[in-house]
Amino acid sequence: MKRLILFLVVCLSSVSALAALSVEGTYQGKNLYVQNPMDDEGFGYCATKVTVNGDIMPGGTSVGAFEIDFSLFNIEIGEPVFIVIEHNDGCRPKVLNPEVLLPRSTFKVESITIDNDGNLKWKTTGEQGKLPFVIEQYRWNKWVAIGEVEGKGSGNANEYKFLVTPHSGENTVRVSQSDHSGTKRPSKEVKFMSSSPTVTKSPTKVKNEIKFSANGAPVQTRYEIYDAYGNIVKKGVGSKVSCSNLLRGVYYINFDNVNEKFIKN
């Protein structure tokens, strides 16, 4: 009986002495490399087993560094992967290049159109991971992000749509993606003419609030307010904006498709 109890204690101690490191992402065609130190007792290596999407990696881990070769698991580019590296407690393997599992922006726009009501539609191929498409509108002499649509991530043909809120006059729109590299990849631009009336603001000298109107009626518009040093102090969408908390001085406001200066009293 004592021997049985001792055996159970040893087994439980072995289980509790194991830990696991998990990594997940999207297969982008490159393998993972793992640095595998000696365990804390110095009798073997830290990692004991590796699984990829639940399947055990062949070849073992009894080396100081090893490669997780995804071709052994018949995984296609763009497929999600979940890796678990079981290891002894008191040590920890290190994945040297986890960034290779981050999705990359690889989309190709096959077509992109927009009508005069602002209905933006685009079709893509070649996506290799789920990344958001940012819809950008050119206004105030710069590209302004006006919305996002989550990418589907598959390499097949994908279709998307977004309703653009226009400003008066000609509107220029595009979609873009940015991945972990920080590089923005924009589509070509599309243009449409809006029948929306020109927006005006009042008053010229501001005390408490600015109001936006078109043809004498309140109207909502996207706006940005900057101080004299170029710092943005307010932004949003609305038919009016409170300015009671602004200090006295000169400010610049972007709204509709115009830039103006105003004085805060």
Protein backbone atom coordinates (compact mmCIF):
# COMPACT_ATOMS: atom_id res chain seq x y z
CA MET A 1 0.00 0.00 0.00
CA LYS A 2 2.84 2.43 0.85
CA ARG A 3 4.46 1.66 -2.51
CA LEU A 4 1.19 2.44 -4.31
CA ILE A 5 0.85 5.78 -2.49
CA LEU A 6 4.47 6.66 -3.31
CA PHE A 7 3.87 5.82 -7.00
CA LEU A 8 0.80 8.08 -7.13
CA VAL A 9 2.71 10.95 -5.51
CA VAL A 10 5.50 10.61 -8.08
CA CYS A 11 2.98 10.62 -10.97
CA LEU A 12 1.15 13.66 -9.66
CA SER A 13 4.45 15.48 -9.17
CA SER A 14 5.40 14.73 -12.78
CA VAL A 15 2.09 16.13 -14.07
CA SER A 16 2.38 19.28 -11.99
CA ALA A 17 5.95 19.78 -13.24
CA LEU A 18 4.74 20.30 -16.82
CA ALA A 19 3.68 23.57 -18.41
CA ALA A 20 2.62 24.67 -21.88
CA LEU A 21 3.38 27.54 -24.23
CA SER A 22 0.80 28.27 -26.92
CA VAL A 23 1.10 30.28 -30.12
CA GLU A 24 -1.65 30.93 -32.65
CA GLY A 25 -2.01 32.79 -35.90
CA THR A 26 -2.37 32.26 -39.64
CA TYR A 27 -0.02 30.17 -41.77
CA GLN A 28 1.76 32.50 -44.20
CA GLY A 29 4.09 29.98 -45.87
CA LYS A 30 6.93 30.22 -43.34
CA ASN A 31 7.94 27.87 -40.51
CA LEU A 32 8.47 28.61 -36.83
CA TYR A 33 11.86 28.26 -35.13
CA VAL A 34 12.09 27.42 -31.44
CA GLN A 35 15.03 27.86 -29.08
CA ASN A 36 14.96 24.93 -26.66
CA PRO A 37 17.16 25.30 -23.54
CA MET A 38 18.15 22.53 -21.15
CA ASP A 39 15.67 21.83 -18.40
CA ASP A 40 16.36 23.16 -14.90
CA GLU A 41 17.86 19.84 -13.79
CA GLY A 42 20.28 19.68 -16.72
CA PHE A 43 19.31 16.14 -17.77
CA GLY A 44 17.44 16.95 -20.95
CA TYR A 45 15.83 19.64 -23.02
CA CYS A 46 12.97 21.86 -21.91
CA ALA A 47 10.30 21.08 -24.53
CA THR A 48 8.71 17.66 -24.28
CA LYS A 49 6.03 17.68 -27.01
CA VAL A 50 4.70 19.94 -29.77
CA THR A 51 1.22 19.79 -31.29
CA VAL A 52 -0.07 21.72 -34.29
CA ASN A 53 -3.86 21.99 -34.47
CA GLY A 54 -3.98 18.99 -32.15
CA ASP A 55 -1.58 16.78 -34.17
CA ILE A 56 1.74 15.76 -32.60
CA MET A 57 4.84 17.03 -34.40
CA PRO A 58 7.02 14.10 -35.51
CA GLY A 59 10.73 13.94 -34.77
CA GLY A 60 10.69 14.93 -31.12
CA THR A 61 12.22 17.91 -29.34
CA SER A 62 15.47 16.52 -27.89
CA VAL A 63 17.64 19.22 -29.48
CA GLY A 64 18.72 22.71 -28.52
CA ALA A 65 16.70 24.28 -31.34
CA PHE A 66 14.07 22.90 -33.67
CA GLU A 67 11.82 23.89 -36.55
CA ILE A 68 8.05 23.52 -36.66
CA ASP A 69 7.53 22.51 -40.28
CA PHE A 70 3.92 23.18 -41.23
CA SER A 71 4.26 21.23 -44.49
CA LEU A 72 4.19 18.07 -42.35
CA PHE A 73 0.59 18.85 -41.40
CA ASN A 74 -0.85 19.59 -44.86
CA ILE A 75 -1.80 23.14 -43.84
CA GLU A 76 -2.65 25.57 -46.62
CA ILE A 77 -1.55 29.21 -46.68
CA GLY A 78 -4.17 31.35 -44.96
CA GLU A 79 -5.37 28.58 -42.63
CA PRO A 80 -5.42 29.23 -38.86
CA VAL A 81 -2.86 27.38 -36.76
CA PHE A 82 -2.69 26.72 -33.02
CA ILE A 83 0.62 25.44 -31.64
CA VAL A 84 1.10 24.06 -28.14
CA ILE A 85 4.64 23.44 -26.85
CA GLU A 86 4.58 21.35 -23.69
CA HIS A 87 7.66 21.81 -21.54
CA ASN A 88 9.10 21.13 -18.11
CA ASP A 89 8.37 23.59 -15.35
CA GLY A 90 11.28 25.85 -14.40
CA CYS A 91 12.33 26.46 -18.00
CA ARG A 92 10.67 27.92 -21.08
CA PRO A 93 11.26 27.45 -24.81
CA LYS A 94 11.35 30.61 -26.93
CA VAL A 95 9.66 31.02 -30.30
CA LEU A 96 12.16 33.08 -32.30
CA ASN A 97 9.94 34.34 -35.12
CA PRO A 98 6.28 34.47 -34.00
CA GLU A 99 5.64 37.34 -36.42
CA VAL A 100 5.52 34.88 -39.36
CA LEU A 101 2.05 33.82 -38.15
CA LEU A 102 0.67 37.35 -38.21
CA PRO A 103 -1.63 38.07 -41.16
CA ARG A 104 -0.08 40.01 -44.03
CA SER A 105 -1.87 42.40 -46.32
CA THR A 106 -1.82 40.54 -49.64
CA PHE A 107 -5.20 41.49 -51.10
CA LYS A 108 -5.68 42.42 -54.73
CA VAL A 109 -8.67 44.58 -55.64
CA GLU A 110 -10.33 43.09 -58.70
CA SER A 111 -12.95 45.85 -58.89
CA ILE A 112 -14.07 48.86 -56.85
CA THR A 113 -17.08 51.07 -57.61
CA ILE A 114 -19.18 53.75 -55.94
CA ASP A 115 -22.46 55.31 -57.00
CA ASN A 116 -23.77 58.83 -56.40
CA ASP A 117 -25.58 57.65 -53.25
CA GLY A 118 -22.26 56.65 -51.68
CA ASN A 119 -22.66 52.86 -52.01
CA LEU A 120 -19.07 51.62 -52.12
CA LYS A 121 -18.48 48.05 -53.34
CA TRP A 122 -15.21 46.19 -53.91
CA LYS A 123 -14.09 42.66 -54.74
CA THR A 124 -10.76 41.15 -53.68
CA THR A 125 -8.66 38.05 -54.19
CA GLY A 126 -5.45 36.85 -52.57
CA GLU A 127 -6.25 37.56 -48.90
CA GLN A 128 -4.13 35.45 -46.52
CA GLY A 129 -5.46 36.49 -43.13
CA LYS A 130 -8.22 38.50 -41.53
CA LEU A 131 -7.32 42.19 -41.53
CA PRO A 132 -9.75 45.13 -41.49
CA PHE A 133 -10.28 47.24 -44.59
CA VAL A 134 -10.22 50.93 -43.67
CA ILE A 135 -12.44 53.14 -45.79
CA GLU A 136 -10.80 56.51 -46.42
CA GLN A 137 -12.25 59.73 -47.83
CA TYR A 138 -10.09 62.53 -49.19
CA ARG A 139 -11.12 65.77 -47.53
CA TRP A 140 -9.38 68.77 -45.94
CA ASN A 141 -6.28 68.01 -48.07
CA LYS A 142 -5.71 64.62 -46.45
CA TRP A 143 -7.06 61.07 -46.28
CA VAL A 144 -9.57 60.66 -43.43
CA ALA A 145 -10.62 57.23 -42.09
CA ILE A 146 -14.42 57.08 -42.10
CA GLY A 147 -15.08 53.41 -41.30
CA GLU A 148 -13.89 49.80 -41.23
CA VAL A 149 -15.04 46.50 -42.70
CA GLU A 150 -13.54 43.26 -41.36
CA GLY A 151 -11.70 41.30 -44.04
CA LYS A 152 -12.76 37.71 -44.66
CA GLY A 153 -9.17 36.51 -44.98
CA SER A 154 -9.70 33.70 -47.46
CA GLY A 155 -7.83 33.49 -50.74
CA ASN A 156 -11.05 33.15 -52.68
CA ALA A 157 -12.90 36.05 -54.28
CA ASN A 158 -14.48 38.17 -51.53
CA GLU A 159 -17.06 40.93 -51.84
CA TYR A 160 -17.53 43.93 -49.53
CA LYS A 161 -19.70 47.03 -49.29
CA PHE A 162 -19.86 50.22 -47.24
CA LEU A 163 -22.16 53.25 -47.26
CA VAL A 164 -20.13 56.46 -47.48
CA THR A 165 -21.58 59.63 -45.96
CA PRO A 166 -20.74 62.23 -48.61
CA HIS A 167 -19.71 65.83 -48.30
CA SER A 168 -20.90 68.38 -50.83
CA GLY A 169 -19.33 68.35 -54.28
CA GLU A 170 -16.92 65.73 -55.59
CA ASN A 171 -16.00 62.91 -53.21
CA THR A 172 -12.87 60.74 -53.51
CA VAL A 173 -12.78 57.38 -51.70
CA ARG A 174 -10.46 54.37 -51.38
CA VAL A 175 -9.94 51.33 -49.13
CA SER A 176 -6.66 50.34 -47.48
CA GLN A 177 -5.10 47.72 -45.23
CA SER A 178 -2.13 47.80 -42.85
CA ASP A 179 -0.49 44.69 -41.38
CA HIS A 180 2.11 44.18 -38.63
CA SER A 181 4.79 45.77 -40.80
CA GLY A 182 2.95 49.11 -40.52
CA THR A 183 2.90 49.59 -44.28
CA LYS A 184 -0.40 50.88 -45.66
CA ARG A 185 -1.64 49.28 -48.90
CA PRO A 186 -4.35 51.42 -50.53
CA SER A 187 -6.63 50.59 -53.43
CA LYS A 188 -7.12 52.86 -56.40
CA GLU A 189 -9.37 55.88 -55.85
CA VAL A 190 -12.99 56.14 -56.93
CA LYS A 191 -14.96 59.37 -57.23
CA PHE A 192 -18.60 60.41 -57.20
CA MET A 193 -20.56 63.66 -57.20
CA SER A 194 -22.83 64.36 -54.26
CA SER A 195 -26.00 66.40 -54.49
CA SER A 196 -25.67 67.30 -50.80
CA PRO A 197 -25.96 71.07 -50.25
CA THR A 198 -22.96 73.08 -49.09
CA VAL A 199 -22.69 73.21 -45.29
CA THR A 200 -22.08 76.51 -43.50
CA LYS A 201 -21.21 77.22 -39.89
CA SER A 202 -22.23 79.98 -37.51
CA PRO A 203 -21.44 82.21 -35.74
CA THR A 204 -18.17 83.75 -36.96
CA LYS A 205 -17.10 84.67 -33.41
CA VAL A 206 -17.82 81.72 -31.18
CA LYS A 207 -18.79 81.85 -27.54
CA ASN A 208 -20.58 78.62 -26.55
CA GLU A 209 -21.14 76.49 -29.65
CA ILE A 210 -20.83 76.17 -33.40
CA LYS A 211 -23.87 75.23 -35.47
CA PHE A 212 -23.86 73.63 -38.91
CA SER A 213 -26.63 74.22 -41.43
CA ALA A 214 -27.51 73.79 -45.11
CA ASN A 215 -30.28 75.69 -46.88
CA GLY A 216 -31.20 77.24 -43.54
CA ALA A 217 -31.77 73.91 -41.72
CA PRO A 218 -29.52 72.10 -39.20
CA VAL A 219 -27.40 69.39 -40.80
CA GLN A 220 -24.92 66.85 -39.51
CA THR A 221 -21.36 66.94 -40.78
CA ARG A 222 -17.98 65.50 -39.85
CA TYR A 223 -15.72 68.08 -38.19
CA GLU A 224 -12.28 68.62 -36.63
CA ILE A 225 -11.13 71.61 -34.56
CA TYR A 226 -7.44 72.51 -34.12
CA ASP A 227 -5.82 75.10 -31.92
CA ALA A 228 -3.30 77.67 -33.17
CA TYR A 229 -0.45 75.16 -32.65
CA GLY A 230 -2.05 72.46 -34.81
CA ASN A 231 -3.25 70.28 -31.92
CA ILE A 232 -6.63 68.66 -32.45
CA VAL A 233 -9.01 69.60 -29.62
CA LYS A 234 -12.36 68.28 -30.88
CA LYS A 235 -13.60 65.92 -33.57
CA GLY A 236 -16.80 64.09 -34.37
CA VAL A 237 -20.01 64.12 -36.36
CA GLY A 238 -22.97 66.35 -35.51
CA SER A 239 -25.11 69.39 -36.29
CA LYS A 240 -23.41 71.41 -33.55
CA VAL A 241 -20.35 71.28 -31.34
CA SER A 242 -19.92 72.72 -27.85
CA CYS A 243 -17.01 75.14 -27.52
CA SER A 244 -17.66 76.45 -24.00
CA ASN A 245 -14.58 74.64 -22.64
CA LEU A 246 -12.20 76.06 -25.25
CA LEU A 247 -9.82 78.83 -24.21
CA ARG A 248 -10.06 82.19 -25.93
CA GLY A 249 -8.04 82.51 -29.10
CA VAL A 250 -7.71 81.47 -32.73
CA TYR A 251 -8.85 78.04 -33.90
CA TYR A 252 -9.18 76.22 -37.21
CA ILE A 253 -12.12 74.03 -38.13
CA ASN A 254 -12.54 71.42 -40.85
CA PHE A 255 -16.12 70.54 -41.79
CA ASP A 256 -17.99 69.36 -44.88
CA ASN A 257 -15.21 69.85 -47.46
CA VAL A 258 -13.86 73.23 -46.29
CA ASN A 259 -11.32 74.68 -43.85
CA GLU A 260 -12.04 77.84 -41.89
CA LYS A 261 -10.57 79.93 -39.09
CA PHE A 262 -12.65 81.20 -36.18
CA ILE A 263 -12.19 83.24 -33.00
CA LYS A 264 -13.25 81.83 -29.62
CA ASN A 265 -14.40 84.66 -27.31
